Amino acid sequence: MSEAIRVVVSGAGGRMGSEVVGAVLSAGAEFSLTGKADPIFNISTVEEIPGAAAPVVVEKTLGAVFEHTEADAAVIFCVPSAAMQDIRTCMKHGVVPVIGTTGISPEDLEEMRSLAKTYGVGAIVAPNFAIGAILMMKFAAEAAKYLPAVEIIELHHDKKLDAPSGTSIKTAQMIAAARREDFKAAGEDTCARGENLDGVHIHSVRLPGLVAHQEVIFGGLGQTLTIRHDSIDRKSFMPGVLMALRHARGLKEVVYGLENII
């Protein structure tokens, strides 16, 4: 039996980070939680956590965690403004970051690829960890080969900081790559038509009561096709997080999108 994958969680005091901690602890001997980081933690300590194979280092920052423990991978669900610093810290320490933080830019991805070459360690960036959402994106890319006219409506809780969502951006990129023809979206010059990404209009909704939802609507002669995914609980993301962690150990390249490892 192989050794347990050692995992640190950044943003462990937040809603998603707390779910990740619980998922890692519940996964059994396959994983070992070795550290938690979050600015809300007031003290530096070593915590005895039920289900953990060993005491867990608790610090305000990932850098401080790595001074006291080792890890194979770090799940990052911190605020967007802190994500790149956490990613740099991980890769400099030879730890693969598994990134769920939203708002990762193309420039950030290029920096990660440069860091991967420098330090010989990869990264996984997942706009969405829900397996159903990954399938939605793959189905949408397949449908775009036959129905190039398409728009996306993404709906999230009102605390989500970025718009459009990373999931909708990734979906639009996959659709654009799969289309068999250049496509000009209707009403491109009208601001009320939402964000236009590679000819795919994206409409963002932010309301209390929502979690994470997306519709991809295709139109053709006399017909429409709607592909929809709904996450109604943050637990929906945990199987994808664990899948990414299994893939992370020893990774040497940057992987953008869970569809590349599913």
C-alpha atoms as a PDB file:
ATOM      1  CA  MET A   1       0.000   0.000   0.000  1.00  0.00           C
ATOM      2  CA  SER A   2       1.371   3.432  -0.979  1.00  0.00           C
ATOM      3  CA  GLU A   3       1.974   6.133   1.599  1.00  0.00           C
ATOM      4  CA  ALA A   4      -0.840   8.548   2.357  1.00  0.00           C
ATOM      5  CA  ILE A   5      -0.982  11.747   0.314  1.00  0.00           C
ATOM      6  CA  ARG A   6      -0.050  14.562   2.692  1.00  0.00           C
ATOM      7  CA  VAL A   7      -2.440  17.501   2.352  1.00  0.00           C
ATOM      8  CA  VAL A   8      -2.444  21.096   3.582  1.00  0.00           C
ATOM      9  CA  VAL A   9      -5.513  23.335   3.196  1.00  0.00           C
ATOM     10  CA  SER A  10      -5.251  27.098   2.649  1.00  0.00           C
ATOM     11  CA  GLY A  11      -8.400  29.029   3.474  1.00  0.00           C
ATOM     12  CA  ALA A  12      -9.280  26.298   5.951  1.00  0.00           C
ATOM     13  CA  GLY A  13     -11.384  28.685   8.033  1.00  0.00           C
ATOM     14  CA  GLY A  14     -13.747  29.480   5.157  1.00  0.00           C
ATOM     15  CA  ARG A  15     -16.807  27.606   3.940  1.00  0.00           C
ATOM     16  CA  MET A  16     -15.088  25.729   1.121  1.00  0.00           C
ATOM     17  CA  GLY A  17     -11.881  25.205   3.084  1.00  0.00           C
ATOM     18  CA  SER A  18     -13.808  23.703   5.982  1.00  0.00           C
ATOM     19  CA  GLU A  19     -15.541  21.300   3.593  1.00  0.00           C
ATOM     20  CA  VAL A  20     -12.165  20.258   2.167  1.00  0.00           C
ATOM     21  CA  VAL A  21     -10.763  19.593   5.644  1.00  0.00           C
ATOM     22  CA  GLY A  22     -13.764  17.391   6.409  1.00  0.00           C
ATOM     23  CA  ALA A  23     -13.501  15.547   3.095  1.00  0.00           C
ATOM     24  CA  VAL A  24      -9.796  14.802   3.547  1.00  0.00           C
ATOM     25  CA  LEU A  25     -10.358  13.548   7.091  1.00  0.00           C
ATOM     26  CA  SER A  26     -13.300  11.390   5.978  1.00  0.00           C
ATOM     27  CA  ALA A  27     -11.411   9.814   3.074  1.00  0.00           C
ATOM     28  CA  GLY A  28      -9.498   7.450   5.341  1.00  0.00           C
ATOM     29  CA  ALA A  29      -5.912   6.279   5.115  1.00  0.00           C
ATOM     30  CA  GLU A  30      -5.459   7.435   1.510  1.00  0.00           C
ATOM     31  CA  PHE A  31      -4.902  11.013   2.714  1.00  0.00           C
ATOM     32  CA  SER A  32      -3.200  12.623   5.691  1.00  0.00           C
ATOM     33  CA  LEU A  33      -4.107  16.173   6.731  1.00  0.00           C
ATOM     34  CA  THR A  34      -0.857  17.764   7.899  1.00  0.00           C
ATOM     35  CA  GLY A  35      -1.672  21.475   8.053  1.00  0.00           C
ATOM     36  CA  LYS A  36      -4.286  24.230   7.896  1.00  0.00           C
ATOM     37  CA  ALA A  37      -3.740  27.896   7.050  1.00  0.00           C
ATOM     38  CA  ASP A  38      -6.060  30.883   7.255  1.00  0.00           C
ATOM     39  CA  PRO A  39      -5.584  34.525   8.339  1.00  0.00           C
ATOM     40  CA  ILE A  40      -8.541  34.134  10.716  1.00  0.00           C
ATOM     41  CA  PHE A  41      -6.604  31.685  12.893  1.00  0.00           C
ATOM     42  CA  ASN A  42      -5.445  33.729  15.883  1.00  0.00           C
ATOM     43  CA  ILE A  43      -2.698  31.460  17.197  1.00  0.00           C
ATOM     44  CA  SER A  44       0.030  29.191  15.885  1.00  0.00           C
ATOM     45  CA  THR A  45      -0.596  25.724  17.221  1.00  0.00           C
ATOM     46  CA  VAL A  46      -0.551  21.996  16.635  1.00  0.00           C
ATOM     47  CA  GLU A  47      -4.081  20.654  16.818  1.00  0.00           C
ATOM     48  CA  GLU A  48      -5.316  17.179  17.659  1.00  0.00           C
ATOM     49  CA  ILE A  49      -8.178  16.606  15.201  1.00  0.00           C
ATOM     50  CA  PRO A  50     -10.423  13.520  15.328  1.00  0.00           C
ATOM     51  CA  GLY A  51      -9.737  11.465  12.223  1.00  0.00           C
ATOM     52  CA  ALA A  52      -6.282  12.933  11.584  1.00  0.00           C
ATOM     53  CA  ALA A  53      -3.398  10.450  11.554  1.00  0.00           C
ATOM     54  CA  ALA A  54      -1.126  12.927  13.363  1.00  0.00           C
ATOM     55  CA  PRO A  55      -1.337  16.381  14.959  1.00  0.00           C
ATOM     56  CA  VAL A  56      -2.188  19.098  12.417  1.00  0.00           C
ATOM     57  CA  VAL A  57      -0.166  22.316  12.147  1.00  0.00           C
ATOM     58  CA  VAL A  58      -2.397  25.418  12.274  1.00  0.00           C
ATOM     59  CA  GLU A  59      -0.994  28.776  11.101  1.00  0.00           C
ATOM     60  CA  LYS A  60      -2.072  32.052   9.533  1.00  0.00           C
ATOM     61  CA  THR A  61      -0.065  31.471   6.329  1.00  0.00           C
ATOM     62  CA  LEU A  62       1.055  28.561   4.172  1.00  0.00           C
ATOM     63  CA  GLY A  63       4.657  29.660   4.547  1.00  0.00           C
ATOM     64  CA  ALA A  64       4.405  29.256   8.306  1.00  0.00           C
ATOM     65  CA  VAL A  65       2.763  25.831   7.903  1.00  0.00           C
ATOM     66  CA  PHE A  66       5.630  24.613   5.705  1.00  0.00           C
ATOM     67  CA  GLU A  67       8.139  25.623   8.375  1.00  0.00           C
ATOM     68  CA  HIS A  68       6.675  22.930  10.640  1.00  0.00           C
ATOM     69  CA  THR A  69       5.343  20.156   8.397  1.00  0.00           C
ATOM     70  CA  GLU A  70       5.571  18.621   4.937  1.00  0.00           C
ATOM     71  CA  ALA A  71       2.961  18.101   2.234  1.00  0.00           C
ATOM     72  CA  ASP A  72       2.544  16.579  -1.198  1.00  0.00           C
ATOM     73  CA  ALA A  73      -0.309  18.907  -2.167  1.00  0.00           C
ATOM     74  CA  ALA A  74      -2.074  21.997  -0.874  1.00  0.00           C
ATOM     75  CA  VAL A  75      -5.714  22.767  -1.602  1.00  0.00           C
ATOM     76  CA  ILE A  76      -6.129  26.522  -2.047  1.00  0.00           C
ATOM     77  CA  PHE A  77      -9.506  28.137  -1.423  1.00  0.00           C
ATOM     78  CA  CYS A  78      -8.285  31.488  -0.110  1.00  0.00           C
ATOM     79  CA  VAL A  79      -9.435  34.949  -1.267  1.00  0.00           C
ATOM     80  CA  PRO A  80      -8.373  35.780  -4.851  1.00  0.00           C
ATOM     81  CA  SER A  81      -5.977  38.533  -3.772  1.00  0.00           C
ATOM     82  CA  ALA A  82      -3.906  36.004  -1.791  1.00  0.00           C
ATOM     83  CA  ALA A  83      -4.072  33.057  -4.192  1.00  0.00           C
ATOM     84  CA  MET A  84      -0.960  33.730  -6.271  1.00  0.00           C
ATOM     85  CA  GLN A  85       1.195  34.259  -3.191  1.00  0.00           C
ATOM     86  CA  ASP A  86       0.015  30.903  -1.834  1.00  0.00           C
ATOM     87  CA  ILE A  87       0.690  29.265  -5.204  1.00  0.00           C
ATOM     88  CA  ARG A  88       4.231  30.671  -5.319  1.00  0.00           C
ATOM     89  CA  THR A  89       4.853  29.510  -1.751  1.00  0.00           C
ATOM     90  CA  CYS A  90       3.670  25.980  -2.563  1.00  0.00           C
ATOM     91  CA  MET A  91       5.710  25.565  -5.708  1.00  0.00           C
ATOM     92  CA  LYS A  92       8.874  26.968  -4.125  1.00  0.00           C
ATOM     93  CA  HIS A  93       8.481  24.322  -1.397  1.00  0.00           C
ATOM     94  CA  GLY A  94       7.928  21.521  -3.929  1.00  0.00           C
ATOM     95  CA  VAL A  95       4.239  21.218  -3.039  1.00  0.00           C
ATOM     96  CA  VAL A  96       1.622  20.883  -5.800  1.00  0.00           C
ATOM     97  CA  PRO A  97      -1.139  23.506  -5.388  1.00  0.00           C
ATOM     98  CA  VAL A  98      -4.676  22.329  -6.152  1.00  0.00           C
ATOM     99  CA  ILE A  99      -6.440  25.609  -6.795  1.00  0.00           C
ATOM    100  CA  GLY A 100     -10.148  26.246  -6.418  1.00  0.00           C
ATOM    101  CA  THR A 101      -9.867  29.995  -5.840  1.00  0.00           C
ATOM    102  CA  THR A 102     -11.738  31.964  -8.501  1.00  0.00           C
ATOM    103  CA  GLY A 103     -10.324  34.742 -10.642  1.00  0.00           C
ATOM    104  CA  ILE A 104      -7.141  33.022 -11.895  1.00  0.00           C
ATOM    105  CA  SER A 105      -6.077  35.008 -14.980  1.00  0.00           C
ATOM    106  CA  PRO A 106      -4.199  33.910 -18.132  1.00  0.00           C
ATOM    107  CA  GLU A 107      -1.210  35.839 -16.770  1.00  0.00           C
ATOM    108  CA  ASP A 108      -1.415  33.845 -13.526  1.00  0.00           C
ATOM    109  CA  LEU A 109      -1.421  30.601 -15.512  1.00  0.00           C
ATOM    110  CA  GLU A 110       1.667  31.709 -17.427  1.00  0.00           C
ATOM    111  CA  GLU A 111       3.448  32.508 -14.165  1.00  0.00           C
ATOM    112  CA  MET A 112       2.551  29.042 -12.842  1.00  0.00           C
ATOM    113  CA  ARG A 113       3.987  27.419 -15.965  1.00  0.00           C
ATOM    114  CA  SER A 114       7.192  29.386 -15.446  1.00  0.00           C
ATOM    115  CA  LEU A 115       7.325  28.332 -11.783  1.00  0.00           C
ATOM    116  CA  ALA A 116       6.758  24.705 -12.820  1.00  0.00           C
ATOM    117  CA  LYS A 117       9.833  24.850 -15.055  1.00  0.00           C
ATOM    118  CA  THR A 118      11.894  26.546 -12.347  1.00  0.00           C
ATOM    119  CA  TYR A 119      10.976  24.284  -9.430  1.00  0.00           C
ATOM    120  CA  GLY A 120      10.009  21.052 -11.202  1.00  0.00           C
ATOM    121  CA  VAL A 121       6.577  20.934  -9.612  1.00  0.00           C
ATOM    122  CA  GLY A 122       3.163  21.244 -11.246  1.00  0.00           C
ATOM    123  CA  ALA A 123      -0.218  22.693 -10.305  1.00  0.00           C
ATOM    124  CA  ILE A 124      -3.893  21.921 -10.844  1.00  0.00           C
ATOM    125  CA  VAL A 125      -6.276  24.822 -11.513  1.00  0.00           C
ATOM    126  CA  ALA A 126      -9.944  23.820 -11.406  1.00  0.00           C
ATOM    127  CA  PRO A 127     -12.604  26.409 -12.293  1.00  0.00           C
ATOM    128  CA  ASN A 128     -15.079  23.843 -10.940  1.00  0.00           C
ATOM    129  CA  PHE A 129     -14.545  20.641  -8.925  1.00  0.00           C
ATOM    130  CA  ALA A 130     -18.067  19.226  -9.332  1.00  0.00           C
ATOM    131  CA  ILE A 131     -17.997  16.129 -11.541  1.00  0.00           C
ATOM    132  CA  GLY A 132     -21.398  17.065 -12.982  1.00  0.00           C
ATOM    133  CA  ALA A 133     -20.097  20.496 -13.966  1.00  0.00           C
ATOM    134  CA  ILE A 134     -17.107  18.942 -15.726  1.00  0.00           C
ATOM    135  CA  LEU A 135     -19.458  16.682 -17.678  1.00  0.00           C
ATOM    136  CA  MET A 136     -21.645  19.701 -18.522  1.00  0.00           C
ATOM    137  CA  MET A 137     -18.614  21.428 -20.062  1.00  0.00           C
ATOM    138  CA  LYS A 138     -17.629  18.331 -22.037  1.00  0.00           C
ATOM    139  CA  PHE A 139     -21.208  17.859 -23.288  1.00  0.00           C
ATOM    140  CA  ALA A 140     -21.360  21.546 -24.268  1.00  0.00           C
ATOM    141  CA  ALA A 141     -18.134  21.288 -26.260  1.00  0.00           C
ATOM    142  CA  GLU A 142     -19.526  18.279 -28.121  1.00  0.00           C
ATOM    143  CA  ALA A 143     -22.841  20.038 -28.844  1.00  0.00           C
ATOM    144  CA  ALA A 144     -21.023  23.123 -30.169  1.00  0.00           C
ATOM    145  CA  LYS A 145     -19.739  21.078 -33.122  1.00  0.00           C
ATOM    146  CA  TYR A 146     -23.317  20.863 -34.386  1.00  0.00           C
ATOM    147  CA  LEU A 147     -25.049  23.905 -32.822  1.00  0.00           C
ATOM    148  CA  PRO A 148     -22.602  26.853 -32.884  1.00  0.00           C
ATOM    149  CA  ALA A 149     -25.145  29.451 -31.667  1.00  0.00           C
ATOM    150  CA  VAL A 150     -24.923  29.307 -27.880  1.00  0.00           C
ATOM    151  CA  GLU A 151     -25.131  31.466 -24.765  1.00  0.00           C
ATOM    152  CA  ILE A 152     -24.314  30.805 -21.111  1.00  0.00           C
ATOM    153  CA  ILE A 153     -26.215  31.882 -18.005  1.00  0.00           C
ATOM    154  CA  GLU A 154     -24.273  31.381 -14.774  1.00  0.00           C
ATOM    155  CA  LEU A 155     -25.903  31.904 -11.382  1.00  0.00           C
ATOM    156  CA  HIS A 156     -24.110  32.089  -8.032  1.00  0.00           C
ATOM    157  CA  HIS A 157     -24.576  33.248  -4.455  1.00  0.00           C
ATOM    158  CA  ASP A 158     -24.275  36.970  -3.813  1.00  0.00           C
ATOM    159  CA  LYS A 159     -20.936  36.621  -1.975  1.00  0.00           C
ATOM    160  CA  LYS A 160     -19.095  35.429  -5.092  1.00  0.00           C
ATOM    161  CA  LEU A 161     -16.491  38.057  -5.920  1.00  0.00           C
ATOM    162  CA  ASP A 162     -15.869  37.478  -9.638  1.00  0.00           C
ATOM    163  CA  ALA A 163     -18.111  37.635 -12.694  1.00  0.00           C
ATOM    164  CA  PRO A 164     -18.301  35.920 -15.064  1.00  0.00           C
ATOM    165  CA  SER A 165     -17.461  32.761 -13.171  1.00  0.00           C
ATOM    166  CA  GLY A 166     -14.396  30.677 -13.911  1.00  0.00           C
ATOM    167  CA  THR A 167     -16.680  27.800 -14.880  1.00  0.00           C
ATOM    168  CA  SER A 168     -18.485  29.868 -17.512  1.00  0.00           C
ATOM    169  CA  ILE A 169     -15.199  31.182 -18.910  1.00  0.00           C
ATOM    170  CA  LYS A 170     -13.788  27.660 -19.170  1.00  0.00           C
ATOM    171  CA  THR A 171     -17.030  26.457 -20.784  1.00  0.00           C
ATOM    172  CA  ALA A 172     -16.891  29.261 -23.360  1.00  0.00           C
ATOM    173  CA  GLN A 173     -13.258  28.446 -24.145  1.00  0.00           C
ATOM    174  CA  MET A 174     -14.090  24.770 -24.675  1.00  0.00           C
ATOM    175  CA  ILE A 175     -17.062  25.673 -26.890  1.00  0.00           C
ATOM    176  CA  ALA A 176     -14.976  28.077 -28.988  1.00  0.00           C
ATOM    177  CA  ALA A 177     -12.266  25.442 -29.460  1.00  0.00           C
ATOM    178  CA  ALA A 178     -14.812  22.794 -30.487  1.00  0.00           C
ATOM    179  CA  ARG A 179     -16.792  24.829 -33.037  1.00  0.00           C
ATOM    180  CA  ARG A 180     -16.291  23.740 -36.619  1.00  0.00           C
ATOM    181  CA  GLU A 181     -16.662  27.272 -37.974  1.00  0.00           C
ATOM    182  CA  ASP A 182     -15.963  30.862 -37.022  1.00  0.00           C
ATOM    183  CA  PHE A 183     -19.076  32.231 -35.367  1.00  0.00           C
ATOM    184  CA  LYS A 184     -20.262  35.799 -34.860  1.00  0.00           C
ATOM    185  CA  ALA A 185     -22.653  36.139 -31.936  1.00  0.00           C
ATOM    186  CA  ALA A 186     -25.806  38.216 -32.375  1.00  0.00           C
ATOM    187  CA  GLY A 187     -25.854  41.658 -30.768  1.00  0.00           C
ATOM    188  CA  GLU A 188     -22.127  41.817 -30.070  1.00  0.00           C
ATOM    189  CA  ASP A 189     -22.134  45.605 -29.725  1.00  0.00           C
ATOM    190  CA  THR A 190     -24.940  45.747 -27.156  1.00  0.00           C
ATOM    191  CA  CYS A 191     -23.741  46.029 -23.551  1.00  0.00           C
ATOM    192  CA  ALA A 192     -26.940  44.412 -22.245  1.00  0.00           C
ATOM    193  CA  ARG A 193     -25.932  41.175 -23.970  1.00  0.00           C
ATOM    194  CA  GLY A 194     -23.419  40.252 -21.296  1.00  0.00           C
ATOM    195  CA  GLU A 195     -19.733  39.353 -21.526  1.00  0.00           C
ATOM    196  CA  ASN A 196     -18.623  38.177 -24.977  1.00  0.00           C
ATOM    197  CA  LEU A 197     -15.877  35.576 -24.812  1.00  0.00           C
ATOM    198  CA  ASP A 198     -14.781  34.102 -28.136  1.00  0.00           C
ATOM    199  CA  GLY A 199     -18.244  34.664 -29.577  1.00  0.00           C
ATOM    200  CA  VAL A 200     -20.078  33.173 -26.590  1.00  0.00           C
ATOM    201  CA  HIS A 201     -22.223  35.569 -24.553  1.00  0.00           C
ATOM    202  CA  ILE A 202     -22.083  34.965 -20.777  1.00  0.00           C
ATOM    203  CA  HIS A 203     -24.753  36.358 -18.446  1.00  0.00           C
ATOM    204  CA  SER A 204     -24.028  36.484 -14.698  1.00  0.00           C
ATOM    205  CA  VAL A 205     -26.617  36.383 -11.898  1.00  0.00           C
ATOM    206  CA  ARG A 206     -25.731  36.978  -8.223  1.00  0.00           C
ATOM    207  CA  LEU A 207     -28.490  36.381  -5.666  1.00  0.00           C
ATOM    208  CA  PRO A 208     -28.825  35.111  -2.083  1.00  0.00           C
ATOM    209  CA  GLY A 209     -30.148  31.564  -1.923  1.00  0.00           C
ATOM    210  CA  LEU A 210     -28.084  30.346  -4.869  1.00  0.00           C
ATOM    211  CA  VAL A 211     -24.963  28.168  -4.623  1.00  0.00           C
ATOM    212  CA  ALA A 212     -23.515  27.456  -8.093  1.00  0.00           C
ATOM    213  CA  HIS A 213     -25.564  26.905 -11.239  1.00  0.00           C
ATOM    214  CA  GLN A 214     -25.025  27.139 -14.990  1.00  0.00           C
ATOM    215  CA  GLU A 215     -27.129  26.800 -18.126  1.00  0.00           C
ATOM    216  CA  VAL A 216     -25.645  26.427 -21.603  1.00  0.00           C
ATOM    217  CA  ILE A 217     -28.351  27.160 -24.177  1.00  0.00           C
ATOM    218  CA  PHE A 218     -27.874  26.203 -27.833  1.00  0.00           C
ATOM    219  CA  GLY A 219     -30.138  27.373 -30.650  1.00  0.00           C
ATOM    220  CA  GLY A 220     -30.727  25.928 -34.100  1.00  0.00           C
ATOM    221  CA  LEU A 221     -33.413  25.971 -36.768  1.00  0.00           C
ATOM    222  CA  GLY A 222     -36.678  25.250 -34.951  1.00  0.00           C
ATOM    223  CA  GLN A 223     -34.986  23.882 -31.828  1.00  0.00           C
ATOM    224  CA  THR A 224     -33.051  24.641 -28.664  1.00  0.00           C
ATOM    225  CA  LEU A 225     -30.881  22.482 -26.441  1.00  0.00           C
ATOM    226  CA  THR A 226     -30.237  23.336 -22.782  1.00  0.00           C
ATOM    227  CA  ILE A 227     -27.512  21.720 -20.684  1.00  0.00           C
ATOM    228  CA  ARG A 228     -27.755  22.663 -17.008  1.00  0.00           C
ATOM    229  CA  HIS A 229     -25.828  21.822 -13.875  1.00  0.00           C
ATOM    230  CA  ASP A 230     -26.766  22.738 -10.295  1.00  0.00           C
ATOM    231  CA  SER A 231     -24.615  22.502  -7.192  1.00  0.00           C
ATOM    232  CA  ILE A 232     -27.008  22.779  -4.273  1.00  0.00           C
ATOM    233  CA  ASP A 233     -24.429  21.925  -1.612  1.00  0.00           C
ATOM    234  CA  ARG A 234     -20.678  22.523  -1.380  1.00  0.00           C
ATOM    235  CA  LYS A 235     -20.229  18.809  -0.781  1.00  0.00           C
ATOM    236  CA  SER A 236     -20.755  18.420  -4.542  1.00  0.00           C
ATOM    237  CA  PHE A 237     -17.204  19.694  -5.083  1.00  0.00           C
ATOM    238  CA  MET A 238     -15.447  17.263  -2.740  1.00  0.00           C
ATOM    239  CA  PRO A 239     -15.168  14.158  -4.988  1.00  0.00           C
ATOM    240  CA  GLY A 240     -13.435  16.359  -7.563  1.00  0.00           C
ATOM    241  CA  VAL A 241     -11.080  17.796  -4.943  1.00  0.00           C
ATOM    242  CA  LEU A 242     -10.063  14.294  -3.859  1.00  0.00           C
ATOM    243  CA  MET A 243      -9.633  13.250  -7.500  1.00  0.00           C
ATOM    244  CA  ALA A 244      -7.303  16.206  -8.062  1.00  0.00           C
ATOM    245  CA  LEU A 245      -5.303  15.353  -4.928  1.00  0.00           C
ATOM    246  CA  ARG A 246      -4.802  11.792  -6.171  1.00  0.00           C
ATOM    247  CA  HIS A 247      -3.427  13.188  -9.426  1.00  0.00           C
ATOM    248  CA  ALA A 248      -1.286  15.840  -7.748  1.00  0.00           C
ATOM    249  CA  ARG A 249       1.505  13.839  -6.148  1.00  0.00           C
ATOM    250  CA  GLY A 250       4.551  13.964  -8.404  1.00  0.00           C
ATOM    251  CA  LEU A 251       2.862  16.243 -10.959  1.00  0.00           C
ATOM    252  CA  LYS A 252       5.377  18.270 -13.011  1.00  0.00           C
ATOM    253  CA  GLU A 253       3.094  20.356 -15.238  1.00  0.00           C
ATOM    254  CA  VAL A 254       0.248  22.846 -14.891  1.00  0.00           C
ATOM    255  CA  VAL A 255      -3.199  21.325 -15.501  1.00  0.00           C
ATOM    256  CA  TYR A 256      -6.019  23.794 -16.225  1.00  0.00           C
ATOM    257  CA  GLY A 257      -9.418  22.170 -15.827  1.00  0.00           C
ATOM    258  CA  LEU A 258     -10.444  18.939 -14.157  1.00  0.00           C
ATOM    259  CA  GLU A 259     -11.687  17.623 -17.507  1.00  0.00           C
ATOM    260  CA  ASN A 260      -8.038  16.916 -18.318  1.00  0.00           C
ATOM    261  CA  ILE A 261      -7.700  14.340 -15.538  1.00  0.00           C
ATOM    262  CA  ILE A 262     -11.231  12.965 -15.135  1.00  0.00           C
END
